[in-house]
Amino acid sequence: MDRNTVIGIVLIVAILFGYTMYTMPSKVERARATHGGQPRHGGTGPARRKGC
């Protein structure tokens, strides 16, 4: 393999890794999807009123 091939493979791997990291959901999004929108720790966020 010559230098250009190695550089090309490294760039492709870097782009794929970067895209994966960029599109990965955050911890909050993963918790919301797993636990039905309810935080596990008892809810320290703003209070919600019913009927609004």
PDB file of N, CA and C in Angstrom:
ATOM      1  N   MET A   1       0.848  -1.177   0.000  1.00  0.00           N
ATOM      2  CA  MET A   1       0.000   0.000   0.000  1.00  0.00           C
ATOM      3  C   MET A   1       0.890   1.235   0.000  1.00  0.00           C
ATOM      4  N   ASP A   2       0.529   2.154  -0.847  1.00  0.00           N
ATOM      5  CA  ASP A   2       1.303   3.387  -0.885  1.00  0.00           C
ATOM      6  C   ASP A   2       0.720   4.400   0.108  1.00  0.00           C
ATOM      7  N   ARG A   3       1.356   5.541   0.198  1.00  0.00           N
ATOM      8  CA  ARG A   3       0.983   6.564   1.175  1.00  0.00           C
ATOM      9  C   ARG A   3      -0.427   7.082   0.942  1.00  0.00           C
ATOM     10  N   ASN A   4      -0.835   7.272  -0.295  1.00  0.00           N
ATOM     11  CA  ASN A   4      -2.167   7.797  -0.598  1.00  0.00           C
ATOM     12  C   ASN A   4      -3.270   6.836  -0.168  1.00  0.00           C
ATOM     13  N   THR A   5      -3.035   5.550  -0.320  1.00  0.00           N
ATOM     14  CA  THR A   5      -4.015   4.555   0.108  1.00  0.00           C
ATOM     15  C   THR A   5      -4.198   4.598   1.617  1.00  0.00           C
ATOM     16  N   VAL A   6      -3.115   4.665   2.350  1.00  0.00           N
ATOM     17  CA  VAL A   6      -3.173   4.724   3.810  1.00  0.00           C
ATOM     18  C   VAL A   6      -3.899   5.992   4.255  1.00  0.00           C
ATOM     19  N   ILE A   7      -3.585   7.120   3.659  1.00  0.00           N
ATOM     20  CA  ILE A   7      -4.246   8.377   4.003  1.00  0.00           C
ATOM     21  C   ILE A   7      -5.735   8.292   3.702  1.00  0.00           C
ATOM     22  N   GLY A   8      -6.107   7.696   2.577  1.00  0.00           N
ATOM     23  CA  GLY A   8      -7.514   7.552   2.222  1.00  0.00           C
ATOM     24  C   GLY A   8      -8.280   6.685   3.206  1.00  0.00           C
ATOM     25  N   ILE A   9      -7.694   5.565   3.591  1.00  0.00           N
ATOM     26  CA  ILE A   9      -8.342   4.674   4.551  1.00  0.00           C
ATOM     27  C   ILE A   9      -8.494   5.363   5.900  1.00  0.00           C
ATOM     28  N   VAL A  10      -7.464   6.067   6.343  1.00  0.00           N
ATOM     29  CA  VAL A  10      -7.534   6.792   7.616  1.00  0.00           C
ATOM     30  C   VAL A  10      -8.621   7.862   7.566  1.00  0.00           C
ATOM     31  N   LEU A  11      -8.739   8.579   6.465  1.00  0.00           N
ATOM     32  CA  LEU A  11      -9.768   9.604   6.339  1.00  0.00           C
ATOM     33  C   LEU A  11     -11.173   8.999   6.346  1.00  0.00           C
ATOM     34  N   ILE A  12     -11.363   7.890   5.665  1.00  0.00           N
ATOM     35  CA  ILE A  12     -12.671   7.235   5.644  1.00  0.00           C
ATOM     36  C   ILE A  12     -13.062   6.780   7.049  1.00  0.00           C
ATOM     37  N   VAL A  13     -12.123   6.174   7.770  1.00  0.00           N
ATOM     38  CA  VAL A  13     -12.406   5.727   9.133  1.00  0.00           C
ATOM     39  C   VAL A  13     -12.718   6.921  10.026  1.00  0.00           C
ATOM     40  N   ALA A  14     -11.973   8.013   9.885  1.00  0.00           N
ATOM     41  CA  ALA A  14     -12.208   9.205  10.709  1.00  0.00           C
ATOM     42  C   ALA A  14     -13.583   9.804  10.423  1.00  0.00           C
ATOM     43  N   ILE A  15     -13.982   9.837   9.158  1.00  0.00           N
ATOM     44  CA  ILE A  15     -15.294  10.373   8.804  1.00  0.00           C
ATOM     45  C   ILE A  15     -16.408   9.492   9.371  1.00  0.00           C
ATOM     46  N   LEU A  16     -16.283   8.191   9.247  1.00  0.00           N
ATOM     47  CA  LEU A  16     -17.292   7.287   9.790  1.00  0.00           C
ATOM     48  C   LEU A  16     -17.380   7.407  11.309  1.00  0.00           C
ATOM     49  N   PHE A  17     -16.258   7.485  11.983  1.00  0.00           N
ATOM     50  CA  PHE A  17     -16.246   7.635  13.439  1.00  0.00           C
ATOM     51  C   PHE A  17     -16.872   8.965  13.846  1.00  0.00           C
ATOM     52  N   GLY A  18     -16.521  10.033  13.161  1.00  0.00           N
ATOM     53  CA  GLY A  18     -17.080  11.340  13.466  1.00  0.00           C
ATOM     54  C   GLY A  18     -18.576  11.389  13.243  1.00  0.00           C
ATOM     55  N   TYR A  19     -19.052  10.794  12.170  1.00  0.00           N
ATOM     56  CA  TYR A  19     -20.487  10.760  11.886  1.00  0.00           C
ATOM     57  C   TYR A  19     -21.228   9.967  12.957  1.00  0.00           C
ATOM     58  N   THR A  20     -20.646   8.855  13.382  1.00  0.00           N
ATOM     59  CA  THR A  20     -21.266   8.047  14.434  1.00  0.00           C
ATOM     60  C   THR A  20     -21.368   8.830  15.732  1.00  0.00           C
ATOM     61  N   MET A  21     -20.313   9.523  16.101  1.00  0.00           N
ATOM     62  CA  MET A  21     -20.327  10.308  17.332  1.00  0.00           C
ATOM     63  C   MET A  21     -21.288  11.487  17.223  1.00  0.00           C
ATOM     64  N   TYR A  22     -21.387  12.085  16.055  1.00  0.00           N
ATOM     65  CA  TYR A  22     -22.261  13.241  15.858  1.00  0.00           C
ATOM     66  C   TYR A  22     -23.737  12.868  15.925  1.00  0.00           C
ATOM     67  N   THR A  23     -24.096  11.697  15.405  1.00  0.00           N
ATOM     68  CA  THR A  23     -25.501  11.302  15.351  1.00  0.00           C
ATOM     69  C   THR A  23     -25.943  10.485  16.555  1.00  0.00           C
ATOM     70  N   MET A  24     -25.041  10.172  17.469  1.00  0.00           N
ATOM     71  CA  MET A  24     -25.398   9.401  18.649  1.00  0.00           C
ATOM     72  C   MET A  24     -26.270  10.249  19.581  1.00  0.00           C
ATOM     73  N   PRO A  25     -27.375   9.685  20.099  1.00  0.00           N
ATOM     74  CA  PRO A  25     -28.227  10.461  21.005  1.00  0.00           C
ATOM     75  C   PRO A  25     -27.510  10.758  22.315  1.00  0.00           C
ATOM     76  N   SER A  26     -27.889  11.868  22.934  1.00  0.00           N
ATOM     77  CA  SER A  26     -27.272  12.251  24.202  1.00  0.00           C
ATOM     78  C   SER A  26     -27.795  11.362  25.328  1.00  0.00           C
ATOM     79  N   LYS A  27     -27.205  11.496  26.512  1.00  0.00           N
ATOM     80  CA  LYS A  27     -27.640  10.711  27.658  1.00  0.00           C
ATOM     81  C   LYS A  27     -29.096  11.011  28.001  1.00  0.00           C
ATOM     82  N   VAL A  28     -29.493  12.262  27.898  1.00  0.00           N
ATOM     83  CA  VAL A  28     -30.872  12.648  28.205  1.00  0.00           C
ATOM     84  C   VAL A  28     -31.834  12.008  27.212  1.00  0.00           C
ATOM     85  N   GLU A  29     -31.500  12.046  25.931  1.00  0.00           N
ATOM     86  CA  GLU A  29     -32.368  11.455  24.920  1.00  0.00           C
ATOM     87  C   GLU A  29     -32.488   9.943  25.099  1.00  0.00           C
ATOM     88  N   ARG A  30     -31.359   9.291  25.433  1.00  0.00           N
ATOM     89  CA  ARG A  30     -31.403   7.846  25.658  1.00  0.00           C
ATOM     90  C   ARG A  30     -32.246   7.506  26.877  1.00  0.00           C
ATOM     91  N   ALA A  31     -32.116   8.280  27.962  1.00  0.00           N
ATOM     92  CA  ALA A  31     -32.909   8.026  29.163  1.00  0.00           C
ATOM     93  C   ALA A  31     -34.388   8.255  28.880  1.00  0.00           C
ATOM     94  N   ARG A  32     -34.704   9.284  28.121  1.00  0.00           N
ATOM     95  CA  ARG A  32     -36.095   9.579  27.793  1.00  0.00           C
ATOM     96  C   ARG A  32     -36.696   8.452  26.955  1.00  0.00           C
ATOM     97  N   ALA A  33     -35.946   7.909  26.032  1.00  0.00           N
ATOM     98  CA  ALA A  33     -36.445   6.833  25.182  1.00  0.00           C
ATOM     99  C   ALA A  33     -36.576   5.528  25.965  1.00  0.00           C
ATOM    100  N   THR A  34     -35.706   5.303  26.929  1.00  0.00           N
ATOM    101  CA  THR A  34     -35.711   4.052  27.677  1.00  0.00           C
ATOM    102  C   THR A  34     -36.751   4.053  28.784  1.00  0.00           C
ATOM    103  N   HIS A  35     -36.944   5.177  29.437  1.00  0.00           N
ATOM    104  CA  HIS A  35     -37.802   5.221  30.622  1.00  0.00           C
ATOM    105  C   HIS A  35     -39.102   5.984  30.386  1.00  0.00           C
ATOM    106  N   GLY A  36     -39.518   6.121  29.171  1.00  0.00           N
ATOM    107  CA  GLY A  36     -40.802   6.723  28.882  1.00  0.00           C
ATOM    108  C   GLY A  36     -40.908   8.197  29.226  1.00  0.00           C
ATOM    109  N   GLY A  37     -39.810   8.913  29.194  1.00  0.00           N
ATOM    110  CA  GLY A  37     -39.841  10.339  29.445  1.00  0.00           C
ATOM    111  C   GLY A  37     -39.698  10.724  30.903  1.00  0.00           C
ATOM    112  N   GLN A  38     -39.704   9.762  31.805  1.00  0.00           N
ATOM    113  CA  GLN A  38     -39.584  10.067  33.227  1.00  0.00           C
ATOM    114  C   GLN A  38     -38.137   9.904  33.674  1.00  0.00           C
ATOM    115  N   PRO A  39     -37.565  10.902  34.334  1.00  0.00           N
ATOM    116  CA  PRO A  39     -36.204  10.758  34.834  1.00  0.00           C
ATOM    117  C   PRO A  39     -36.141   9.732  35.957  1.00  0.00           C
ATOM    118  N   ARG A  40     -35.036   9.023  36.061  1.00  0.00           N
ATOM    119  CA  ARG A  40     -34.875   7.978  37.065  1.00  0.00           C
ATOM    120  C   ARG A  40     -34.639   8.540  38.452  1.00  0.00           C
ATOM    121  N   HIS A  41     -34.067   9.709  38.556  1.00  0.00           N
ATOM    122  CA  HIS A  41     -33.598  10.232  39.833  1.00  0.00           C
ATOM    123  C   HIS A  41     -34.656  11.015  40.589  1.00  0.00           C
ATOM    124  N   GLY A  42     -35.903  10.939  40.223  1.00  0.00           N
ATOM    125  CA  GLY A  42     -36.950  11.600  40.976  1.00  0.00           C
ATOM    126  C   GLY A  42     -37.399  12.918  40.387  1.00  0.00           C
ATOM    127  N   GLY A  43     -36.766  13.389  39.378  1.00  0.00           N
ATOM    128  CA  GLY A  43     -37.218  14.585  38.701  1.00  0.00           C
ATOM    129  C   GLY A  43     -36.786  15.872  39.371  1.00  0.00           C
ATOM    130  N   THR A  44     -35.691  16.421  38.965  1.00  0.00           N
ATOM    131  CA  THR A  44     -35.232  17.696  39.500  1.00  0.00           C
ATOM    132  C   THR A  44     -35.516  18.829  38.528  1.00  0.00           C
ATOM    133  N   GLY A  45     -36.244  18.538  37.473  1.00  0.00           N
ATOM    134  CA  GLY A  45     -36.557  19.546  36.472  1.00  0.00           C
ATOM    135  C   GLY A  45     -37.714  20.428  36.916  1.00  0.00           C
ATOM    136  N   PRO A  46     -38.167  21.312  36.030  1.00  0.00           N
ATOM    137  CA  PRO A  46     -39.267  22.199  36.389  1.00  0.00           C
ATOM    138  C   PRO A  46     -40.564  21.418  36.622  1.00  0.00           C
ATOM    139  N   ALA A  47     -41.366  21.907  37.552  1.00  0.00           N
ATOM    140  CA  ALA A  47     -42.624  21.237  37.888  1.00  0.00           C
ATOM    141  C   ALA A  47     -43.621  21.437  36.748  1.00  0.00           C
ATOM    142  N   ARG A  48     -44.425  20.415  36.511  1.00  0.00           N
ATOM    143  CA  ARG A  48     -45.441  20.481  35.472  1.00  0.00           C
ATOM    144  C   ARG A  48     -46.804  20.501  36.130  1.00  0.00           C
ATOM    145  N   ARG A  49     -47.680  21.336  35.617  1.00  0.00           N
ATOM    146  CA  ARG A  49     -49.048  21.381  36.098  1.00  0.00           C
ATOM    147  C   ARG A  49     -49.923  20.574  35.164  1.00  0.00           C
ATOM    148  N   LYS A  50     -50.880  19.899  35.737  1.00  0.00           N
ATOM    149  CA  LYS A  50     -51.814  19.121  34.916  1.00  0.00           C
ATOM    150  C   LYS A  50     -52.852  20.059  34.333  1.00  0.00           C
ATOM    151  N   GLY A  51     -53.279  19.784  33.125  1.00  0.00           N
ATOM    152  CA  GLY A  51     -54.338  20.541  32.501  1.00  0.00           C
ATOM    153  C   GLY A  51     -53.864  21.755  31.709  1.00  0.00           C
ATOM    154  N   CYS A  52     -52.600  21.917  31.557  1.00  0.00           N
ATOM    155  CA  CYS A  52     -52.087  23.072  30.806  1.00  0.00           C
ATOM    156  C   CYS A  52     -51.948  22.749  29.347  1.00  0.00           C
TER     157      CYS A  52
END
